Amino acid sequence: MNKVRITAIRQTVYSDLMAKYENPIEHTCDVREGQQWISENGECPEGMCPAAWYSMREFVESLARGEGNFYDGWMKNPMSAMISCNDGFRPFSFYIEVIDGKDCGRREYCSEPIK
């Protein structure tokens, strides 16, 4: 199976929606921009936010199996996806990409050399 890198790209915060609809909470998410995880065998990496994993799990599992080209050409790199977590007030966008594996597809789409 392919290794898949998950990178936290950007968080959007909707302060107006939080003020209008959310009860105040002290702690939300520990994810930080630029943070990375490696999924092996399509499994949830240690330290990954469970809610974020729930949003991206099927994409990571598919990429780990060597599948890709989601939505018929959606991504420039067909062995990747851009997925957001399901927090409606402060969602994070994650870039998911195959980094190594015999089923990587076309080599130019692998982020690291195949070994």
N, C-alpha and C. Protein backbone atom coordinates (compact mmCIF):
# COMPACT_ATOMS: atom_id res chain seq x y z
N MET A 1 0.84 -1.20 0.00
CA MET A 1 0.00 0.00 0.00
C MET A 1 0.88 1.25 0.00
N ASN A 2 0.33 2.33 -0.50
CA ASN A 2 1.03 3.61 -0.55
C ASN A 2 1.04 4.30 0.80
N LYS A 3 2.09 5.07 1.04
CA LYS A 3 2.11 5.98 2.17
C LYS A 3 1.43 7.26 1.70
N VAL A 4 0.66 7.86 2.60
CA VAL A 4 -0.07 9.08 2.26
C VAL A 4 0.27 10.16 3.29
N ARG A 5 0.71 11.31 2.77
CA ARG A 5 1.02 12.44 3.65
C ARG A 5 -0.22 13.34 3.74
N ILE A 6 -0.51 13.77 4.95
CA ILE A 6 -1.62 14.67 5.23
C ILE A 6 -1.01 15.96 5.77
N THR A 7 -1.28 17.08 5.12
CA THR A 7 -0.72 18.37 5.55
C THR A 7 -1.86 19.34 5.85
N ALA A 8 -1.83 19.94 7.04
CA ALA A 8 -2.80 20.98 7.40
C ALA A 8 -2.39 22.25 6.67
N ILE A 9 -3.20 22.69 5.73
CA ILE A 9 -2.85 23.82 4.87
C ILE A 9 -3.34 25.15 5.45
N ARG A 10 -4.60 25.23 5.78
CA ARG A 10 -5.15 26.52 6.21
C ARG A 10 -6.40 26.31 7.05
N GLN A 11 -6.57 27.18 8.02
CA GLN A 11 -7.79 27.20 8.82
C GLN A 11 -8.56 28.49 8.53
N THR A 12 -9.85 28.35 8.41
CA THR A 12 -10.73 29.50 8.26
C THR A 12 -11.55 29.61 9.53
N VAL A 13 -11.70 30.82 10.04
CA VAL A 13 -12.47 31.03 11.27
C VAL A 13 -13.63 31.98 10.96
N TYR A 14 -14.82 31.52 11.24
CA TYR A 14 -16.02 32.31 11.02
C TYR A 14 -16.50 32.88 12.35
N SER A 15 -15.88 33.97 12.77
CA SER A 15 -16.18 34.59 14.07
C SER A 15 -17.64 35.02 14.17
N ASP A 16 -18.20 35.50 13.07
CA ASP A 16 -19.59 35.94 13.10
C ASP A 16 -20.54 34.77 13.37
N LEU A 17 -20.26 33.62 12.77
CA LEU A 17 -21.10 32.44 13.02
C LEU A 17 -20.89 31.92 14.44
N MET A 18 -19.66 31.98 14.92
CA MET A 18 -19.38 31.54 16.29
C MET A 18 -20.15 32.40 17.28
N ALA A 19 -20.13 33.71 17.08
CA ALA A 19 -20.82 34.63 17.99
C ALA A 19 -22.33 34.40 17.97
N LYS A 20 -22.84 34.09 16.79
CA LYS A 20 -24.29 33.95 16.65
C LYS A 20 -24.82 32.59 17.11
N TYR A 21 -24.04 31.50 16.86
CA TYR A 21 -24.60 30.16 17.07
C TYR A 21 -23.88 29.27 18.08
N GLU A 22 -22.63 29.53 18.35
CA GLU A 22 -21.85 28.58 19.15
C GLU A 22 -21.83 28.97 20.62
N ASN A 23 -22.00 27.98 21.49
CA ASN A 23 -21.76 28.21 22.91
C ASN A 23 -20.26 28.35 23.11
N PRO A 24 -19.83 29.26 23.98
CA PRO A 24 -18.39 29.44 24.20
C PRO A 24 -17.74 28.13 24.66
N ILE A 25 -16.60 27.80 24.04
CA ILE A 25 -15.83 26.63 24.46
C ILE A 25 -14.37 27.05 24.61
N GLU A 26 -13.70 26.42 25.56
CA GLU A 26 -12.32 26.80 25.84
C GLU A 26 -11.33 26.17 24.89
N HIS A 27 -11.54 24.91 24.51
CA HIS A 27 -10.57 24.19 23.69
C HIS A 27 -11.28 23.58 22.49
N THR A 28 -10.73 23.84 21.31
CA THR A 28 -11.36 23.27 20.12
C THR A 28 -10.46 22.24 19.45
N CYS A 29 -9.41 22.67 18.82
CA CYS A 29 -8.61 21.78 17.98
C CYS A 29 -7.13 22.07 18.18
N ASP A 30 -6.33 21.02 18.17
CA ASP A 30 -4.88 21.17 18.34
C ASP A 30 -4.12 21.24 17.01
N VAL A 31 -4.82 21.14 15.89
CA VAL A 31 -4.17 21.16 14.58
C VAL A 31 -3.60 22.56 14.31
N ARG A 32 -2.41 22.60 13.72
CA ARG A 32 -1.75 23.86 13.37
C ARG A 32 -1.38 23.85 11.89
N GLU A 33 -1.43 25.00 11.25
CA GLU A 33 -1.04 25.10 9.84
C GLU A 33 0.38 24.58 9.65
N GLY A 34 0.56 23.79 8.60
CA GLY A 34 1.85 23.21 8.29
C GLY A 34 2.11 21.86 8.95
N GLN A 35 1.31 21.49 9.90
CA GLN A 35 1.47 20.21 10.59
C GLN A 35 1.25 19.08 9.60
N GLN A 36 2.05 18.00 9.75
CA GLN A 36 1.95 16.87 8.83
C GLN A 36 1.86 15.56 9.58
N TRP A 37 1.20 14.61 8.94
CA TRP A 37 1.10 13.24 9.42
C TRP A 37 1.32 12.32 8.24
N ILE A 38 1.77 11.10 8.52
CA ILE A 38 1.91 10.07 7.49
C ILE A 38 0.98 8.92 7.84
N SER A 39 0.12 8.59 6.89
CA SER A 39 -0.76 7.44 7.05
C SER A 39 -0.10 6.25 6.36
N GLU A 40 0.03 5.17 7.08
CA GLU A 40 0.54 3.92 6.51
C GLU A 40 -0.58 2.90 6.49
N ASN A 41 -0.69 2.21 5.37
CA ASN A 41 -1.74 1.20 5.18
C ASN A 41 -3.14 1.78 5.30
N GLY A 42 -3.29 3.06 5.00
CA GLY A 42 -4.60 3.70 5.04
C GLY A 42 -5.16 3.91 6.43
N GLU A 43 -4.30 3.82 7.44
CA GLU A 43 -4.76 3.94 8.82
C GLU A 43 -4.59 5.36 9.34
N CYS A 44 -5.38 5.68 10.36
CA CYS A 44 -5.33 7.00 10.98
C CYS A 44 -3.98 7.19 11.66
N PRO A 45 -3.25 8.25 11.30
CA PRO A 45 -1.96 8.49 11.93
C PRO A 45 -2.12 8.93 13.39
N GLU A 46 -1.15 8.59 14.19
CA GLU A 46 -1.16 8.99 15.60
C GLU A 46 -1.18 10.51 15.70
N GLY A 47 -2.03 11.02 16.58
CA GLY A 47 -2.12 12.45 16.81
C GLY A 47 -3.07 13.20 15.88
N MET A 48 -3.67 12.50 14.94
CA MET A 48 -4.61 13.13 14.01
C MET A 48 -5.93 13.41 14.74
N CYS A 49 -6.49 14.57 14.51
CA CYS A 49 -7.79 14.94 15.08
C CYS A 49 -8.84 13.93 14.61
N PRO A 50 -9.56 13.29 15.53
CA PRO A 50 -10.55 12.29 15.12
C PRO A 50 -11.63 12.84 14.19
N ALA A 51 -12.09 14.06 14.41
CA ALA A 51 -13.12 14.63 13.54
C ALA A 51 -12.57 14.90 12.14
N ALA A 52 -11.33 15.36 12.06
CA ALA A 52 -10.71 15.59 10.75
C ALA A 52 -10.53 14.25 10.03
N TRP A 53 -10.07 13.23 10.74
CA TRP A 53 -9.89 11.91 10.14
C TRP A 53 -11.20 11.39 9.58
N TYR A 54 -12.27 11.59 10.30
CA TYR A 54 -13.58 11.13 9.84
C TYR A 54 -13.93 11.75 8.48
N SER A 55 -13.54 13.01 8.28
CA SER A 55 -13.83 13.71 7.03
C SER A 55 -12.99 13.23 5.86
N MET A 56 -11.77 12.76 6.14
CA MET A 56 -10.84 12.43 5.06
C MET A 56 -10.55 10.94 4.90
N ARG A 57 -11.01 10.13 5.81
CA ARG A 57 -10.65 8.72 5.85
C ARG A 57 -10.81 8.00 4.51
N GLU A 58 -11.95 8.15 3.86
CA GLU A 58 -12.19 7.42 2.62
C GLU A 58 -11.21 7.83 1.52
N PHE A 59 -10.82 9.11 1.48
CA PHE A 59 -9.86 9.57 0.48
C PHE A 59 -8.47 8.99 0.78
N VAL A 60 -8.07 9.00 2.03
CA VAL A 60 -6.76 8.45 2.41
C VAL A 60 -6.71 6.96 2.10
N GLU A 61 -7.75 6.23 2.46
CA GLU A 61 -7.78 4.79 2.19
C GLU A 61 -7.70 4.52 0.69
N SER A 62 -8.42 5.29 -0.12
CA SER A 62 -8.39 5.11 -1.58
C SER A 62 -6.99 5.37 -2.13
N LEU A 63 -6.37 6.47 -1.71
CA LEU A 63 -5.02 6.78 -2.18
C LEU A 63 -4.02 5.70 -1.73
N ALA A 64 -4.19 5.20 -0.53
CA ALA A 64 -3.30 4.15 -0.04
C ALA A 64 -3.40 2.89 -0.90
N ARG A 65 -4.58 2.62 -1.45
CA ARG A 65 -4.78 1.46 -2.32
C ARG A 65 -4.32 1.71 -3.75
N GLY A 66 -3.87 2.92 -4.06
CA GLY A 66 -3.42 3.24 -5.40
C GLY A 66 -4.51 3.81 -6.28
N GLU A 67 -5.65 4.09 -5.70
CA GLU A 67 -6.74 4.72 -6.44
C GLU A 67 -6.53 6.23 -6.40
N GLY A 68 -7.21 6.94 -7.23
CA GLY A 68 -7.09 8.39 -7.27
C GLY A 68 -7.99 8.96 -8.32
N ASN A 69 -7.61 10.10 -8.86
CA ASN A 69 -8.38 10.79 -9.89
C ASN A 69 -9.83 10.97 -9.45
N PHE A 70 -9.98 11.49 -8.23
CA PHE A 70 -11.31 11.71 -7.67
C PHE A 70 -12.08 12.72 -8.53
N TYR A 71 -13.33 12.47 -8.72
CA TYR A 71 -14.22 13.37 -9.46
C TYR A 71 -13.71 13.69 -10.85
N ASP A 72 -13.06 12.72 -11.46
CA ASP A 72 -12.67 12.79 -12.87
C ASP A 72 -11.87 14.04 -13.22
N GLY A 73 -10.71 14.18 -12.58
CA GLY A 73 -9.81 15.26 -12.93
C GLY A 73 -9.87 16.48 -12.04
N TRP A 74 -10.42 16.34 -10.85
CA TRP A 74 -10.58 17.44 -9.90
C TRP A 74 -9.25 18.07 -9.51
N MET A 75 -8.24 17.25 -9.21
CA MET A 75 -6.95 17.75 -8.72
C MET A 75 -5.91 17.72 -9.84
N LYS A 76 -4.99 18.69 -9.84
CA LYS A 76 -3.89 18.69 -10.80
C LYS A 76 -3.05 17.43 -10.62
N ASN A 77 -2.81 17.04 -9.38
CA ASN A 77 -2.14 15.78 -9.08
C ASN A 77 -3.25 14.77 -8.81
N PRO A 78 -3.48 13.82 -9.70
CA PRO A 78 -4.59 12.88 -9.51
C PRO A 78 -4.42 11.95 -8.32
N MET A 79 -3.23 11.90 -7.74
CA MET A 79 -2.98 11.07 -6.57
C MET A 79 -3.01 11.93 -5.31
N SER A 80 -3.96 12.88 -5.26
CA SER A 80 -4.09 13.78 -4.12
C SER A 80 -5.54 14.22 -3.97
N ALA A 81 -5.81 14.90 -2.85
CA ALA A 81 -7.13 15.49 -2.61
C ALA A 81 -6.96 16.65 -1.63
N MET A 82 -7.86 17.61 -1.69
CA MET A 82 -7.93 18.70 -0.72
C MET A 82 -9.25 18.53 0.01
N ILE A 83 -9.18 18.27 1.30
CA ILE A 83 -10.36 17.94 2.10
C ILE A 83 -10.42 18.85 3.30
N SER A 84 -11.61 19.27 3.68
CA SER A 84 -11.78 20.08 4.89
C SER A 84 -12.44 19.26 5.98
N CYS A 85 -12.08 19.58 7.22
CA CYS A 85 -12.76 18.91 8.33
C CYS A 85 -14.18 19.46 8.44
N ASN A 86 -14.98 18.85 9.27
CA ASN A 86 -16.40 19.18 9.31
C ASN A 86 -16.77 20.20 10.38
N ASP A 87 -15.81 20.95 10.92
CA ASP A 87 -16.10 22.01 11.88
C ASP A 87 -16.66 23.21 11.12
N GLY A 88 -17.91 23.52 11.30
CA GLY A 88 -18.54 24.60 10.57
C GLY A 88 -18.12 25.99 11.00
N PHE A 89 -17.47 26.11 12.16
CA PHE A 89 -17.04 27.41 12.67
C PHE A 89 -15.58 27.71 12.39
N ARG A 90 -14.74 26.70 12.38
CA ARG A 90 -13.29 26.90 12.18
C ARG A 90 -12.68 25.73 11.40
N PRO A 91 -13.15 25.49 10.17
CA PRO A 91 -12.66 24.33 9.41
C PRO A 91 -11.19 24.47 8.99
N PHE A 92 -10.52 23.34 8.96
CA PHE A 92 -9.16 23.25 8.44
C PHE A 92 -9.21 22.58 7.08
N SER A 93 -8.37 23.04 6.15
CA SER A 93 -8.21 22.38 4.86
C SER A 93 -6.94 21.54 4.92
N PHE A 94 -7.04 20.30 4.45
CA PHE A 94 -5.92 19.37 4.46
C PHE A 94 -5.60 18.93 3.04
N TYR A 95 -4.31 18.95 2.68
CA TYR A 95 -3.86 18.41 1.41
C TYR A 95 -3.38 16.99 1.67
N ILE A 96 -3.94 16.06 0.94
CA ILE A 96 -3.65 14.63 1.11
C ILE A 96 -2.99 14.16 -0.17
N GLU A 97 -1.82 13.51 -0.05
CA GLU A 97 -1.08 13.11 -1.25
C GLU A 97 -0.31 11.81 -1.03
N VAL A 98 -0.24 11.02 -2.09
CA VAL A 98 0.60 9.82 -2.07
C VAL A 98 2.05 10.27 -2.10
N ILE A 99 2.86 9.71 -1.20
CA ILE A 99 4.28 10.09 -1.20
C ILE A 99 5.20 8.94 -1.56
N ASP A 100 4.72 7.72 -1.50
CA ASP A 100 5.58 6.58 -1.80
C ASP A 100 4.72 5.34 -1.94
N GLY A 101 5.11 4.47 -2.85
CA GLY A 101 4.40 3.21 -2.97
C GLY A 101 4.43 2.68 -4.38
N LYS A 102 4.34 1.38 -4.49
CA LYS A 102 4.41 0.74 -5.80
C LYS A 102 3.21 1.08 -6.67
N ASP A 103 2.09 1.48 -6.06
CA ASP A 103 0.89 1.81 -6.81
C ASP A 103 0.70 3.31 -6.97
N CYS A 104 1.78 4.05 -6.91
CA CYS A 104 1.69 5.50 -6.94
C CYS A 104 1.10 6.03 -8.25
N GLY A 105 1.09 5.25 -9.25
CA GLY A 105 0.60 5.74 -10.53
C GLY A 105 1.76 6.35 -11.30
N ARG A 106 1.52 7.41 -11.97
CA ARG A 106 2.58 8.07 -12.72
C ARG A 106 3.58 8.69 -11.76
N ARG A 107 4.84 8.38 -11.93
CA ARG A 107 5.89 8.81 -11.00
C ARG A 107 5.94 10.32 -10.77
N GLU A 108 5.61 11.11 -11.78
CA GLU A 108 5.70 12.55 -11.60
C GLU A 108 4.70 13.07 -10.57
N TYR A 109 3.71 12.25 -10.20
CA TYR A 109 2.74 12.67 -9.20
C TYR A 109 3.11 12.23 -7.80
N CYS A 110 4.16 11.47 -7.65
CA CYS A 110 4.62 11.09 -6.31
C CYS A 110 5.47 12.23 -5.75
N SER A 111 5.23 12.59 -4.52
CA SER A 111 5.98 13.70 -3.92
C SER A 111 7.37 13.31 -3.52
N GLU A 112 7.62 12.05 -3.31
CA GLU A 112 8.96 11.56 -2.97
C GLU A 112 9.25 10.37 -3.86
N PRO A 113 10.52 10.11 -4.10
CA PRO A 113 10.87 9.00 -4.99
C PRO A 113 10.33 7.66 -4.50
N ILE A 114 9.98 6.81 -5.43
CA ILE A 114 9.58 5.45 -5.11
C ILE A 114 10.83 4.64 -4.81
N LYS A 115 10.80 3.89 -3.72
CA LYS A 115 11.96 3.08 -3.33
C LYS A 115 11.75 1.63 -3.66
